[in-house]
Amino acid sequence: MSLKLERAGLVLRFDEVIRFENAAGTRLRVLNGSVWITQEGDLNDYYLPASGTLTFERPGLALVHAQEPAELIVWRPVPRIPLAARVARGLARVSRVLAP
């Protein structure tokens, strides 16, 4: 499944697995239940109980496996605009205001 959302709520049944492709930067918070997480290229696996949070740090595949029925929130941080671009936008606004 390919979702292009900034934030989504998910409900997983016991033993259900969901896949995240190119997950780097995606954050996951467990509201209820618990999950087991494996990331491609990471020697560690992660167990998250209710109220646990994890940010995927690696590109590639991440698997989230429900250890019991679980409710999750998944989101991607909004990319920050580089400082130079923000300064350029600000200068453009000022020049429009000051222009005769």
Protein backbone atom coordinates (compact mmCIF):
# COMPACT_ATOMS: atom_id res chain seq x y z
CA MET A 1 0.00 0.00 0.00
CA SER A 2 1.30 3.48 -0.85
CA LEU A 3 -0.08 6.32 1.24
CA LYS A 4 0.86 9.94 0.63
CA LEU A 5 -0.41 11.41 3.90
CA GLU A 6 1.28 13.68 6.38
CA ARG A 7 -0.59 12.01 9.27
CA ALA A 8 -2.69 8.85 9.52
CA GLY A 9 -4.34 6.81 12.25
CA LEU A 10 -4.07 3.04 11.89
CA VAL A 11 -5.70 0.14 13.70
CA LEU A 12 -3.94 -3.22 13.51
CA ARG A 13 -5.35 -6.61 14.45
CA PHE A 14 -3.28 -9.06 16.48
CA ASP A 15 -0.43 -10.43 14.33
CA GLU A 16 -1.09 -7.99 11.46
CA VAL A 17 1.99 -6.59 9.68
CA ILE A 18 2.22 -3.33 7.76
CA ARG A 19 5.08 -2.28 5.50
CA PHE A 20 6.59 1.17 5.14
CA GLU A 21 8.75 1.73 2.07
CA ASN A 22 11.45 4.42 2.28
CA ALA A 23 10.38 5.12 5.83
CA ALA A 24 13.26 7.41 6.92
CA GLY A 25 11.86 10.37 8.82
CA THR A 26 8.46 8.80 9.43
CA ARG A 27 7.34 8.87 13.07
CA LEU A 28 5.11 6.30 14.73
CA ARG A 29 3.32 6.52 18.09
CA VAL A 30 1.48 3.61 19.70
CA LEU A 31 -1.74 4.78 21.34
CA ASN A 32 -2.97 1.35 22.46
CA GLY A 33 -1.54 -2.15 22.26
CA SER A 34 2.05 -2.92 21.27
CA VAL A 35 4.11 -3.46 18.11
CA TRP A 36 7.42 -4.97 17.07
CA ILE A 37 9.40 -2.98 14.49
CA THR A 38 12.17 -4.11 12.15
CA GLN A 39 14.02 -1.70 9.83
CA GLU A 40 16.06 -2.73 6.81
CA GLY A 41 19.77 -2.34 7.53
CA ASP A 42 19.29 -2.00 11.31
CA LEU A 43 20.64 -4.82 13.48
CA ASN A 44 18.23 -3.84 16.27
CA ASP A 45 14.51 -4.48 16.44
CA TYR A 46 12.20 -2.32 18.53
CA TYR A 47 9.30 -3.20 20.82
CA LEU A 48 6.91 -0.31 21.40
CA PRO A 49 4.21 -0.54 24.06
CA ALA A 50 1.33 1.93 24.40
CA SER A 51 2.63 5.54 24.42
CA GLY A 52 5.89 4.42 22.76
CA THR A 53 7.25 6.51 19.89
CA LEU A 54 9.85 5.76 17.21
CA THR A 55 11.26 7.73 14.29
CA PHE A 56 12.43 5.55 11.40
CA GLU A 57 16.04 6.53 10.78
CA ARG A 58 16.85 4.43 7.73
CA PRO A 59 15.68 4.42 4.14
CA GLY A 60 14.28 1.17 2.84
CA LEU A 61 11.69 -1.16 4.24
CA ALA A 62 10.31 -1.04 7.79
CA LEU A 63 7.91 -3.67 9.12
CA VAL A 64 5.49 -3.02 11.97
CA HIS A 65 4.04 -6.19 13.52
CA ALA A 66 1.15 -5.96 16.00
CA GLN A 67 1.88 -8.02 19.11
CA GLU A 68 -1.73 -7.46 20.18
CA PRO A 69 -4.50 -5.28 18.73
CA ALA A 70 -2.90 -1.86 18.34
CA GLU A 71 -3.86 1.69 17.47
CA LEU A 72 -1.15 3.89 15.94
CA ILE A 73 -0.56 7.39 14.66
CA VAL A 74 1.94 7.69 11.81
CA TRP A 75 3.20 11.00 10.47
CA ARG A 76 5.98 12.58 8.46
CA PRO A 77 7.42 15.87 9.63
CA VAL A 78 6.83 18.76 7.26
CA PRO A 79 10.13 19.43 5.47
CA ARG A 80 11.86 22.60 6.61
CA ILE A 81 12.48 25.24 3.98
CA PRO A 82 16.21 26.08 3.81
CA LEU A 83 17.23 29.39 5.37
CA ALA A 84 18.35 30.89 2.06
CA ALA A 85 14.92 30.21 0.53
CA ARG A 86 13.13 31.75 3.54
CA VAL A 87 15.33 34.86 3.35
CA ALA A 88 14.68 35.17 -0.41
CA ARG A 89 10.91 34.94 0.17
CA GLY A 90 11.10 37.58 2.88
CA LEU A 91 13.10 39.95 0.67
CA ALA A 92 10.62 39.43 -2.18
CA ARG A 93 7.73 40.38 0.14
CA VAL A 94 9.55 43.47 1.38
CA SER A 95 10.39 44.59 -2.15
CA ARG A 96 6.71 44.22 -3.17
CA VAL A 97 5.61 46.34 -0.21
CA LEU A 98 8.22 49.03 -0.87
CA ALA A 99 7.75 49.12 -4.65
CA PRO A 100 5.93 52.25 -5.90
